[in-house]
Amino acid sequence: MTIDTLLIIGGGLIGSSIARAAKAYGQAKTVYVADKSASACDAIERLGFADGVSENAPELYASQADLIILCVPPGRIGEVAEAVIPVMKEGAILSDVGSVKGDVIKQVTPFLKDTIHFIPGHPIAGTEYSGPEAGFASLFKDRWCVLTPDGADEAAVETVKLFWEGIGALVATMDSKRHDIVLATTSHVPHLIAYTLVGTAVDMEKVTNNEVVKFSAGGFRDFTRIAASDPVMWRDVFLANREATLEVVDRFIEDLSALKRAIRWDDGDALLEHFAKTRDIRRHIVDAGQDSAAPNFGRDD
């Protein structure tokens, strides 16, 4: 099913990639992009992957769109929804790409009206780069996009599902609470750990910044790639998914303390058992086609 008019609000990595993919794979006849940044709008216009671009989405494009996807930081989704929902046409669909769903639903719900459909979404794909220039049409190929419709109109859910499948994604549905605990485990806390570890390495008094750069091993380089992600977005993610993140952090601290004890007491068997178990998880991820055996494959936000 092809969307007649698609509006992307937020022309960064994810938004510009959706726009490119919609055009490349024929999933929308007309693609508009709106971004509050004048420089981003200039870049989008120069790159030519949209049929129209503007700093003011509600006045120019929102009333025409059959599907609007909010690709702004999680902390801004409520204010953008408040601006566009009043001018959306009857039967139109509003979605988003935020990596936290419970808080997004909480932000958007007060502004919803009976004549439109809200289908929250989260494509689990990305890189550490940002901006309109960073996007590419194949970003979502064979990557999961999770929808959390929580009782929304089935036909509207199917429309959004087919759109994501049409640009190459694999689509799953789950309730928003489960999504947030799953993503806290697989994405949010790993990013928190990466930010912490890189900061620790840089702050260590006995290690100079030059040595951190010069002698970075593969594992540390992977952490620096993750820690290079958009700081504004991740600030919003951690605050929005506070409860699930803290739950997983507490479990991680317990497990890390157990490994610390094993090292302190020379318990090689405990270390080997743990490392073998986590190695198997890595194999399963590669076998499922969600990563390659090579390092630095991509970011999951």
C-alpha atoms as a PDB file:
ATOM      1  CA  MET A   1       0.000   0.000   0.000  1.00  0.00           C
ATOM      2  CA  THR A   2       1.444   3.366  -1.021  1.00  0.00           C
ATOM      3  CA  ILE A   3       0.950   6.445   1.153  1.00  0.00           C
ATOM      4  CA  ASP A   4      -0.211   9.406  -0.924  1.00  0.00           C
ATOM      5  CA  THR A   5       1.409  12.106   1.221  1.00  0.00           C
ATOM      6  CA  LEU A   6       4.014  11.487   3.903  1.00  0.00           C
ATOM      7  CA  LEU A   7       5.284  14.171   6.280  1.00  0.00           C
ATOM      8  CA  ILE A   8       8.486  13.619   8.239  1.00  0.00           C
ATOM      9  CA  ILE A   9       9.028  16.075  11.098  1.00  0.00           C
ATOM     10  CA  GLY A  10      12.710  16.093  11.975  1.00  0.00           C
ATOM     11  CA  GLY A  11      15.225  15.689   9.167  1.00  0.00           C
ATOM     12  CA  GLY A  12      18.081  14.049  11.047  1.00  0.00           C
ATOM     13  CA  LEU A  13      19.540  10.584  10.509  1.00  0.00           C
ATOM     14  CA  ILE A  14      16.298   8.649  11.038  1.00  0.00           C
ATOM     15  CA  GLY A  15      13.923  11.176   9.467  1.00  0.00           C
ATOM     16  CA  SER A  16      16.058  11.716   6.376  1.00  0.00           C
ATOM     17  CA  SER A  17      16.524   7.959   5.991  1.00  0.00           C
ATOM     18  CA  ILE A  18      12.752   7.371   6.143  1.00  0.00           C
ATOM     19  CA  ALA A  19      12.220  10.074   3.524  1.00  0.00           C
ATOM     20  CA  ARG A  20      14.899   8.613   1.265  1.00  0.00           C
ATOM     21  CA  ALA A  21      13.562   5.081   1.700  1.00  0.00           C
ATOM     22  CA  ALA A  22       9.951   6.100   1.050  1.00  0.00           C
ATOM     23  CA  LYS A  23      11.021   7.622  -2.267  1.00  0.00           C
ATOM     24  CA  ALA A  24      13.499   4.896  -3.219  1.00  0.00           C
ATOM     25  CA  TYR A  25      11.084   2.022  -2.532  1.00  0.00           C
ATOM     26  CA  GLY A  26       7.941   3.743  -3.799  1.00  0.00           C
ATOM     27  CA  GLN A  27       6.135   3.829  -0.441  1.00  0.00           C
ATOM     28  CA  ALA A  28       4.888   7.417  -0.728  1.00  0.00           C
ATOM     29  CA  LYS A  29       3.872   9.472  -3.733  1.00  0.00           C
ATOM     30  CA  THR A  30       4.775  12.779  -2.079  1.00  0.00           C
ATOM     31  CA  VAL A  31       7.298  13.201   0.731  1.00  0.00           C
ATOM     32  CA  TYR A  32       7.560  16.388   2.760  1.00  0.00           C
ATOM     33  CA  VAL A  33      10.129  17.044   5.477  1.00  0.00           C
ATOM     34  CA  ALA A  34       9.951  19.714   8.166  1.00  0.00           C
ATOM     35  CA  ASP A  35      12.730  20.706  10.536  1.00  0.00           C
ATOM     36  CA  LYS A  36      13.024  23.669  12.890  1.00  0.00           C
ATOM     37  CA  SER A  37      16.669  24.142  11.861  1.00  0.00           C
ATOM     38  CA  ALA A  38      17.171  26.439   8.877  1.00  0.00           C
ATOM     39  CA  SER A  39      20.532  24.831   8.111  1.00  0.00           C
ATOM     40  CA  ALA A  40      18.941  21.356   8.149  1.00  0.00           C
ATOM     41  CA  CYS A  41      16.231  22.570   5.764  1.00  0.00           C
ATOM     42  CA  ASP A  42      18.879  24.002   3.461  1.00  0.00           C
ATOM     43  CA  ALA A  43      20.720  20.664   3.474  1.00  0.00           C
ATOM     44  CA  ILE A  44      17.532  18.684   2.779  1.00  0.00           C
ATOM     45  CA  GLU A  45      16.673  20.973  -0.121  1.00  0.00           C
ATOM     46  CA  ARG A  46      20.192  20.649  -1.520  1.00  0.00           C
ATOM     47  CA  LEU A  47      20.210  16.849  -1.164  1.00  0.00           C
ATOM     48  CA  GLY A  48      16.857  16.621  -2.949  1.00  0.00           C
ATOM     49  CA  PHE A  49      15.281  13.644  -1.206  1.00  0.00           C
ATOM     50  CA  ALA A  50      12.019  15.471  -0.364  1.00  0.00           C
ATOM     51  CA  ASP A  51       9.314  17.017  -2.539  1.00  0.00           C
ATOM     52  CA  GLY A  52       9.103  19.954  -0.161  1.00  0.00           C
ATOM     53  CA  VAL A  53      10.878  21.167   2.978  1.00  0.00           C
ATOM     54  CA  SER A  54       9.932  23.788   5.541  1.00  0.00           C
ATOM     55  CA  GLU A  55      10.673  25.063   9.039  1.00  0.00           C
ATOM     56  CA  ASN A  56       6.916  25.273   9.670  1.00  0.00           C
ATOM     57  CA  ALA A  57       5.149  21.922   9.358  1.00  0.00           C
ATOM     58  CA  PRO A  58       1.689  22.707  10.817  1.00  0.00           C
ATOM     59  CA  GLU A  59       0.920  25.540   8.405  1.00  0.00           C
ATOM     60  CA  LEU A  60       2.287  24.033   5.200  1.00  0.00           C
ATOM     61  CA  TYR A  61       2.115  20.243   5.205  1.00  0.00           C
ATOM     62  CA  ALA A  62       0.343  18.688   8.199  1.00  0.00           C
ATOM     63  CA  SER A  63      -3.163  19.181   6.796  1.00  0.00           C
ATOM     64  CA  GLN A  64      -2.190  17.362   3.577  1.00  0.00           C
ATOM     65  CA  ALA A  65      -0.459  14.333   5.084  1.00  0.00           C
ATOM     66  CA  ASP A  66      -1.941  10.845   5.260  1.00  0.00           C
ATOM     67  CA  LEU A  67       0.898   9.757   7.539  1.00  0.00           C
ATOM     68  CA  ILE A  68       2.989  11.991   9.800  1.00  0.00           C
ATOM     69  CA  ILE A  69       6.063  10.524  11.488  1.00  0.00           C
ATOM     70  CA  LEU A  70       7.641  12.487  14.322  1.00  0.00           C
ATOM     71  CA  CYS A  71      11.421  12.089  14.179  1.00  0.00           C
ATOM     72  CA  VAL A  72      12.368  14.571  16.885  1.00  0.00           C
ATOM     73  CA  PRO A  73      14.093  13.960  20.261  1.00  0.00           C
ATOM     74  CA  PRO A  74      11.781  12.200  22.759  1.00  0.00           C
ATOM     75  CA  GLY A  75      11.553  15.309  24.931  1.00  0.00           C
ATOM     76  CA  ARG A  76      10.039  17.347  22.066  1.00  0.00           C
ATOM     77  CA  ILE A  77       7.435  14.871  20.816  1.00  0.00           C
ATOM     78  CA  GLY A  78       4.614  16.270  22.971  1.00  0.00           C
ATOM     79  CA  GLU A  79       5.043  19.862  21.845  1.00  0.00           C
ATOM     80  CA  VAL A  80       5.273  18.859  18.180  1.00  0.00           C
ATOM     81  CA  ALA A  81       2.202  16.639  18.480  1.00  0.00           C
ATOM     82  CA  GLU A  82       0.300  19.532  20.077  1.00  0.00           C
ATOM     83  CA  ALA A  83       1.135  21.691  17.059  1.00  0.00           C
ATOM     84  CA  VAL A  84       0.288  19.255  14.262  1.00  0.00           C
ATOM     85  CA  ILE A  85      -2.698  17.269  15.575  1.00  0.00           C
ATOM     86  CA  PRO A  86      -5.240  20.154  15.374  1.00  0.00           C
ATOM     87  CA  VAL A  87      -4.646  20.547  11.627  1.00  0.00           C
ATOM     88  CA  MET A  88      -4.416  16.853  10.685  1.00  0.00           C
ATOM     89  CA  LYS A  89      -7.118  15.690   8.317  1.00  0.00           C
ATOM     90  CA  GLU A  90      -9.722  13.102   9.232  1.00  0.00           C
ATOM     91  CA  GLY A  91      -8.423   9.531   9.038  1.00  0.00           C
ATOM     92  CA  ALA A  92      -4.758  10.569   9.006  1.00  0.00           C
ATOM     93  CA  ILE A  93      -2.181   8.617  11.002  1.00  0.00           C
ATOM     94  CA  LEU A  94       0.362  10.002  13.448  1.00  0.00           C
ATOM     95  CA  SER A  95       3.422   7.941  14.354  1.00  0.00           C
ATOM     96  CA  ASP A  96       6.896   8.481  15.784  1.00  0.00           C
ATOM     97  CA  VAL A  97      10.323   6.840  16.021  1.00  0.00           C
ATOM     98  CA  GLY A  98      11.115   7.405  19.702  1.00  0.00           C
ATOM     99  CA  SER A  99      13.018   4.666  21.502  1.00  0.00           C
ATOM    100  CA  VAL A 100      10.801   5.111  24.575  1.00  0.00           C
ATOM    101  CA  LYS A 101       7.124   4.404  24.084  1.00  0.00           C
ATOM    102  CA  GLY A 102       5.364   4.798  27.431  1.00  0.00           C
ATOM    103  CA  ASP A 103       6.492   8.396  27.858  1.00  0.00           C
ATOM    104  CA  VAL A 104       5.737   9.251  24.209  1.00  0.00           C
ATOM    105  CA  ILE A 105       2.184   7.944  24.590  1.00  0.00           C
ATOM    106  CA  LYS A 106       1.815   9.951  27.795  1.00  0.00           C
ATOM    107  CA  GLN A 107       2.987  13.121  26.011  1.00  0.00           C
ATOM    108  CA  VAL A 108       0.778  12.712  22.945  1.00  0.00           C
ATOM    109  CA  THR A 109      -2.460  11.372  24.450  1.00  0.00           C
ATOM    110  CA  PRO A 110      -3.778  14.722  25.818  1.00  0.00           C
ATOM    111  CA  PHE A 111      -3.787  16.193  22.291  1.00  0.00           C
ATOM    112  CA  LEU A 112      -5.344  13.274  20.399  1.00  0.00           C
ATOM    113  CA  LYS A 113      -8.725  13.513  18.735  1.00  0.00           C
ATOM    114  CA  ASP A 114     -11.144  10.848  17.548  1.00  0.00           C
ATOM    115  CA  THR A 115     -10.661  11.636  13.853  1.00  0.00           C
ATOM    116  CA  ILE A 116      -6.984  10.575  13.685  1.00  0.00           C
ATOM    117  CA  HIS A 117      -5.042   7.433  14.551  1.00  0.00           C
ATOM    118  CA  PHE A 118      -1.913   7.297  16.703  1.00  0.00           C
ATOM    119  CA  ILE A 119       0.439   4.357  16.074  1.00  0.00           C
ATOM    120  CA  PRO A 120       3.669   4.713  18.094  1.00  0.00           C
ATOM    121  CA  GLY A 121       6.724   3.113  16.505  1.00  0.00           C
ATOM    122  CA  HIS A 122      10.419   2.542  17.041  1.00  0.00           C
ATOM    123  CA  PRO A 123      12.806   1.483  14.258  1.00  0.00           C
ATOM    124  CA  ILE A 124      15.778  -0.224  15.902  1.00  0.00           C
ATOM    125  CA  ALA A 125      18.381   1.042  13.488  1.00  0.00           C
ATOM    126  CA  GLY A 126      20.903   3.826  13.155  1.00  0.00           C
ATOM    127  CA  THR A 127      24.519   4.885  13.155  1.00  0.00           C
ATOM    128  CA  GLU A 128      26.517   7.190  15.413  1.00  0.00           C
ATOM    129  CA  TYR A 129      26.203   9.972  12.819  1.00  0.00           C
ATOM    130  CA  SER A 130      23.484  12.616  12.706  1.00  0.00           C
ATOM    131  CA  GLY A 131      21.966  15.199  10.398  1.00  0.00           C
ATOM    132  CA  PRO A 132      20.331  15.065   6.950  1.00  0.00           C
ATOM    133  CA  GLU A 133      23.604  14.131   5.254  1.00  0.00           C
ATOM    134  CA  ALA A 134      23.942  11.005   7.410  1.00  0.00           C
ATOM    135  CA  GLY A 135      20.752   9.323   6.190  1.00  0.00           C
ATOM    136  CA  PHE A 136      20.504   6.581   3.590  1.00  0.00           C
ATOM    137  CA  ALA A 137      17.615   4.612   2.085  1.00  0.00           C
ATOM    138  CA  SER A 138      18.755   1.138   3.142  1.00  0.00           C
ATOM    139  CA  LEU A 139      19.141   1.983   6.851  1.00  0.00           C
ATOM    140  CA  PHE A 140      16.085  -0.068   7.838  1.00  0.00           C
ATOM    141  CA  LYS A 141      16.695  -3.114   5.644  1.00  0.00           C
ATOM    142  CA  ASP A 142      16.248  -6.270   7.752  1.00  0.00           C
ATOM    143  CA  ARG A 143      16.107  -4.191  10.942  1.00  0.00           C
ATOM    144  CA  TRP A 144      13.228  -4.464  13.397  1.00  0.00           C
ATOM    145  CA  CYS A 145      10.635  -1.754  13.777  1.00  0.00           C
ATOM    146  CA  VAL A 146       8.474  -2.209  16.879  1.00  0.00           C
ATOM    147  CA  LEU A 147       4.934  -0.834  16.883  1.00  0.00           C
ATOM    148  CA  THR A 148       3.084  -0.313  20.175  1.00  0.00           C
ATOM    149  CA  PRO A 149      -0.480   0.424  19.034  1.00  0.00           C
ATOM    150  CA  ASP A 150      -2.029  -0.423  22.429  1.00  0.00           C
ATOM    151  CA  GLY A 151      -5.553  -0.921  21.018  1.00  0.00           C
ATOM    152  CA  ALA A 152      -5.399   1.430  18.026  1.00  0.00           C
ATOM    153  CA  ASP A 153      -7.495   0.959  14.868  1.00  0.00           C
ATOM    154  CA  GLU A 154      -6.418  -2.272  13.158  1.00  0.00           C
ATOM    155  CA  ALA A 155      -6.552  -0.853   9.636  1.00  0.00           C
ATOM    156  CA  ALA A 156      -4.310   2.057  10.657  1.00  0.00           C
ATOM    157  CA  VAL A 157      -1.866  -0.334  12.334  1.00  0.00           C
ATOM    158  CA  GLU A 158      -1.760  -2.411   9.161  1.00  0.00           C
ATOM    159  CA  THR A 159      -1.065   0.715   7.082  1.00  0.00           C
ATOM    160  CA  VAL A 160       1.935   1.626   9.255  1.00  0.00           C
ATOM    161  CA  LYS A 161       3.118  -1.991   9.304  1.00  0.00           C
ATOM    162  CA  LEU A 162       3.029  -2.213   5.508  1.00  0.00           C
ATOM    163  CA  PHE A 163       4.859   1.103   5.192  1.00  0.00           C
ATOM    164  CA  TRP A 164       7.763  -0.088   7.336  1.00  0.00           C
ATOM    165  CA  GLU A 165       7.866  -3.445   5.583  1.00  0.00           C
ATOM    166  CA  GLY A 166       7.856  -1.571   2.282  1.00  0.00           C
ATOM    167  CA  ILE A 167      11.082   0.225   3.181  1.00  0.00           C
ATOM    168  CA  GLY A 168      12.767  -3.002   4.210  1.00  0.00           C
ATOM    169  CA  ALA A 169      12.064  -3.329   7.935  1.00  0.00           C
ATOM    170  CA  LEU A 170      10.888  -6.333   9.920  1.00  0.00           C
ATOM    171  CA  VAL A 171       7.863  -5.373  12.022  1.00  0.00           C
ATOM    172  CA  ALA A 172       6.853  -6.576  15.470  1.00  0.00           C
ATOM    173  CA  THR A 173       4.089  -5.359  17.788  1.00  0.00           C
ATOM    174  CA  MET A 174       4.097  -5.331  21.574  1.00  0.00           C
ATOM    175  CA  ASP A 175       2.637  -3.296  24.400  1.00  0.00           C
ATOM    176  CA  SER A 176       4.473  -0.123  25.332  1.00  0.00           C
ATOM    177  CA  LYS A 177       5.511  -1.242  28.827  1.00  0.00           C
ATOM    178  CA  ARG A 178       7.147  -4.395  27.518  1.00  0.00           C
ATOM    179  CA  HIS A 179       8.888  -2.420  24.764  1.00  0.00           C
ATOM    180  CA  ASP A 180      10.431  -0.065  27.301  1.00  0.00           C
ATOM    181  CA  ILE A 181      11.881  -2.807  29.515  1.00  0.00           C
ATOM    182  CA  VAL A 182      13.181  -4.745  26.496  1.00  0.00           C
ATOM    183  CA  LEU A 183      14.863  -1.658  25.025  1.00  0.00           C
ATOM    184  CA  ALA A 184      16.234  -0.617  28.405  1.00  0.00           C
ATOM    185  CA  THR A 185      18.002  -3.991  28.413  1.00  0.00           C
ATOM    186  CA  THR A 186      19.182  -4.134  24.806  1.00  0.00           C
ATOM    187  CA  SER A 187      19.850  -0.458  24.038  1.00  0.00           C
ATOM    188  CA  HIS A 188      19.436   2.124  26.774  1.00  0.00           C
ATOM    189  CA  VAL A 189      21.604   0.637  29.529  1.00  0.00           C
ATOM    190  CA  PRO A 190      24.328  -0.411  27.036  1.00  0.00           C
ATOM    191  CA  HIS A 191      24.505   3.241  25.955  1.00  0.00           C
ATOM    192  CA  LEU A 192      24.630   4.349  29.596  1.00  0.00           C
ATOM    193  CA  ILE A 193      27.493   1.920  30.228  1.00  0.00           C
ATOM    194  CA  ALA A 194      29.320   3.149  27.133  1.00  0.00           C
ATOM    195  CA  TYR A 195      29.048   6.786  28.193  1.00  0.00           C
ATOM    196  CA  THR A 196      30.273   5.838  31.673  1.00  0.00           C
ATOM    197  CA  LEU A 197      33.201   3.678  30.578  1.00  0.00           C
ATOM    198  CA  VAL A 198      34.507   6.196  28.051  1.00  0.00           C
ATOM    199  CA  GLY A 199      34.211   8.946  30.657  1.00  0.00           C
ATOM    200  CA  THR A 200      36.042   6.796  33.213  1.00  0.00           C
ATOM    201  CA  ALA A 201      38.898   6.111  30.795  1.00  0.00           C
ATOM    202  CA  VAL A 202      39.302   9.772  29.948  1.00  0.00           C
ATOM    203  CA  ASP A 203      39.144  10.846  33.618  1.00  0.00           C
ATOM    204  CA  MET A 204      41.643   8.317  34.987  1.00  0.00           C
ATOM    205  CA  GLU A 205      44.575  10.246  36.412  1.00  0.00           C
ATOM    206  CA  LYS A 206      47.100   7.548  35.476  1.00  0.00           C
ATOM    207  CA  VAL A 207      46.070   7.373  31.812  1.00  0.00           C
ATOM    208  CA  THR A 208      46.460  10.304  29.458  1.00  0.00           C
ATOM    209  CA  ASN A 209      43.930  11.171  26.754  1.00  0.00           C
ATOM    210  CA  ASN A 210      46.596  10.499  24.153  1.00  0.00           C
ATOM    211  CA  GLU A 211      47.092   6.959  25.465  1.00  0.00           C
ATOM    212  CA  VAL A 212      43.331   6.341  25.423  1.00  0.00           C
ATOM    213  CA  VAL A 213      43.268   7.280  21.733  1.00  0.00           C
ATOM    214  CA  LYS A 214      46.542   5.623  20.738  1.00  0.00           C
ATOM    215  CA  PHE A 215      46.070   2.261  22.419  1.00  0.00           C
ATOM    216  CA  SER A 216      42.308   1.806  22.078  1.00  0.00           C
ATOM    217  CA  ALA A 217      41.513  -1.871  21.615  1.00  0.00           C
ATOM    218  CA  GLY A 218      38.531  -3.076  19.594  1.00  0.00           C
ATOM    219  CA  GLY A 219      36.179  -3.326  22.555  1.00  0.00           C
ATOM    220  CA  PHE A 220      36.896   0.197  23.727  1.00  0.00           C
ATOM    221  CA  ARG A 221      36.536   1.531  20.189  1.00  0.00           C
ATOM    222  CA  ASP A 222      33.064  -0.013  20.026  1.00  0.00           C
ATOM    223  CA  PHE A 223      32.183   1.738  23.277  1.00  0.00           C
ATOM    224  CA  THR A 224      33.407   5.085  21.906  1.00  0.00           C
ATOM    225  CA  ARG A 225      31.247   4.594  18.813  1.00  0.00           C
ATOM    226  CA  ILE A 226      28.160   4.082  20.990  1.00  0.00           C
ATOM    227  CA  ALA A 227      29.130   7.004  23.241  1.00  0.00           C
ATOM    228  CA  ALA A 228      29.359   9.254  20.173  1.00  0.00           C
ATOM    229  CA  SER A 229      25.557   9.121  19.821  1.00  0.00           C
ATOM    230  CA  ASP A 230      23.445  12.274  20.039  1.00  0.00           C
ATOM    231  CA  PRO A 231      23.714  13.477  23.681  1.00  0.00           C
ATOM    232  CA  VAL A 232      20.427  15.414  23.604  1.00  0.00           C
ATOM    233  CA  MET A 233      18.468  12.398  22.419  1.00  0.00           C
ATOM    234  CA  TRP A 234      20.025  10.098  25.000  1.00  0.00           C
ATOM    235  CA  ARG A 235      19.450  12.551  27.827  1.00  0.00           C
ATOM    236  CA  ASP A 236      15.771  12.498  26.874  1.00  0.00           C
ATOM    237  CA  VAL A 237      15.727   8.697  26.559  1.00  0.00           C
ATOM    238  CA  PHE A 238      17.121   8.068  30.052  1.00  0.00           C
ATOM    239  CA  LEU A 239      14.788  10.560  31.702  1.00  0.00           C
ATOM    240  CA  ALA A 240      11.759   9.283  29.781  1.00  0.00           C
ATOM    241  CA  ASN A 241      12.486   5.600  30.486  1.00  0.00           C
ATOM    242  CA  ARG A 242      13.668   6.167  34.046  1.00  0.00           C
ATOM    243  CA  GLU A 243      11.975   3.233  35.785  1.00  0.00           C
ATOM    244  CA  ALA A 244      12.937   0.528  33.292  1.00  0.00           C
ATOM    245  CA  THR A 245      16.486   1.876  32.988  1.00  0.00           C
ATOM    246  CA  LEU A 246      17.004   1.890  36.767  1.00  0.00           C
ATOM    247  CA  GLU A 247      15.605  -1.644  37.027  1.00  0.00           C
ATOM    248  CA  VAL A 248      18.106  -2.942  34.459  1.00  0.00           C
ATOM    249  CA  VAL A 249      20.977  -0.890  35.944  1.00  0.00           C
ATOM    250  CA  ASP A 250      20.328  -2.460  39.357  1.00  0.00           C
ATOM    251  CA  ARG A 251      20.456  -5.938  37.835  1.00  0.00           C
ATOM    252  CA  PHE A 252      23.646  -5.052  35.947  1.00  0.00           C
ATOM    253  CA  ILE A 253      25.320  -3.817  39.148  1.00  0.00           C
ATOM    254  CA  GLU A 254      24.462  -7.106  40.871  1.00  0.00           C
ATOM    255  CA  ASP A 255      25.911  -9.135  37.998  1.00  0.00           C
ATOM    256  CA  LEU A 256      29.010  -6.930  37.782  1.00  0.00           C
ATOM    257  CA  SER A 257      29.557  -7.328  41.520  1.00  0.00           C
ATOM    258  CA  ALA A 258      29.390 -11.114  41.103  1.00  0.00           C
ATOM    259  CA  LEU A 259      32.083 -10.986  38.418  1.00  0.00           C
ATOM    260  CA  LYS A 260      34.148  -8.671  40.624  1.00  0.00           C
ATOM    261  CA  ARG A 261      33.976 -11.247  43.428  1.00  0.00           C
ATOM    262  CA  ALA A 262      34.953 -14.031  41.034  1.00  0.00           C
ATOM    263  CA  ILE A 263      38.046 -12.107  39.950  1.00  0.00           C
ATOM    264  CA  ARG A 264      38.968 -11.185  43.520  1.00  0.00           C
ATOM    265  CA  TRP A 265      38.667 -14.794  44.761  1.00  0.00           C
ATOM    266  CA  ASP A 266      40.338 -16.323  41.704  1.00  0.00           C
ATOM    267  CA  ASP A 267      37.144 -18.177  40.726  1.00  0.00           C
ATOM    268  CA  GLY A 268      37.982 -19.077  37.122  1.00  0.00           C
ATOM    269  CA  ASP A 269      35.060 -21.508  36.794  1.00  0.00           C
ATOM    270  CA  ALA A 270      32.506 -18.768  37.517  1.00  0.00           C
ATOM    271  CA  LEU A 271      34.144 -16.443  35.008  1.00  0.00           C
ATOM    272  CA  LEU A 272      34.295 -19.132  32.318  1.00  0.00           C
ATOM    273  CA  GLU A 273      30.645 -20.094  32.824  1.00  0.00           C
ATOM    274  CA  HIS A 274      29.523 -16.474  32.497  1.00  0.00           C
ATOM    275  CA  PHE A 275      31.676 -15.736  29.454  1.00  0.00           C
ATOM    276  CA  ALA A 276      30.501 -18.889  27.655  1.00  0.00           C
ATOM    277  CA  LYS A 277      26.857 -17.965  28.251  1.00  0.00           C
ATOM    278  CA  THR A 278      27.260 -14.431  26.863  1.00  0.00           C
ATOM    279  CA  ARG A 279      29.265 -15.720  23.887  1.00  0.00           C
ATOM    280  CA  ASP A 280      26.287 -17.873  22.894  1.00  0.00           C
ATOM    281  CA  ILE A 281      24.037 -14.798  22.890  1.00  0.00           C
ATOM    282  CA  ARG A 282      26.406 -13.113  20.438  1.00  0.00           C
ATOM    283  CA  ARG A 283      26.190 -16.108  18.091  1.00  0.00           C
ATOM    284  CA  HIS A 284      22.390 -16.026  18.213  1.00  0.00           C
ATOM    285  CA  ILE A 285      22.336 -12.311  17.293  1.00  0.00           C
ATOM    286  CA  VAL A 286      24.624 -12.875  14.288  1.00  0.00           C
ATOM    287  CA  ASP A 287      22.706 -16.001  13.202  1.00  0.00           C
ATOM    288  CA  ALA A 288      19.446 -14.027  13.351  1.00  0.00           C
ATOM    289  CA  GLY A 289      20.868 -11.512  10.870  1.00  0.00           C
ATOM    290  CA  GLN A 290      20.785  -8.628  13.360  1.00  0.00           C
ATOM    291  CA  ASP A 291      24.526  -7.957  13.140  1.00  0.00           C
ATOM    292  CA  SER A 292      27.621  -9.135  11.334  1.00  0.00           C
ATOM    293  CA  ALA A 293      30.612 -10.913  12.817  1.00  0.00           C
ATOM    294  CA  ALA A 294      32.676  -7.797  12.070  1.00  0.00           C
ATOM    295  CA  PRO A 295      32.932  -4.999  14.693  1.00  0.00           C
ATOM    296  CA  ASN A 296      31.485  -1.498  14.370  1.00  0.00           C
ATOM    297  CA  PHE A 297      28.410  -2.651  12.445  1.00  0.00           C
ATOM    298  CA  GLY A 298      25.874  -0.070  13.588  1.00  0.00           C
ATOM    299  CA  ARG A 299      23.978   1.482  16.423  1.00  0.00           C
ATOM    300  CA  ASP A 300      20.695   0.325  17.991  1.00  0.00           C
ATOM    301  CA  ASP A 301      18.852   3.328  19.329  1.00  0.00           C
END
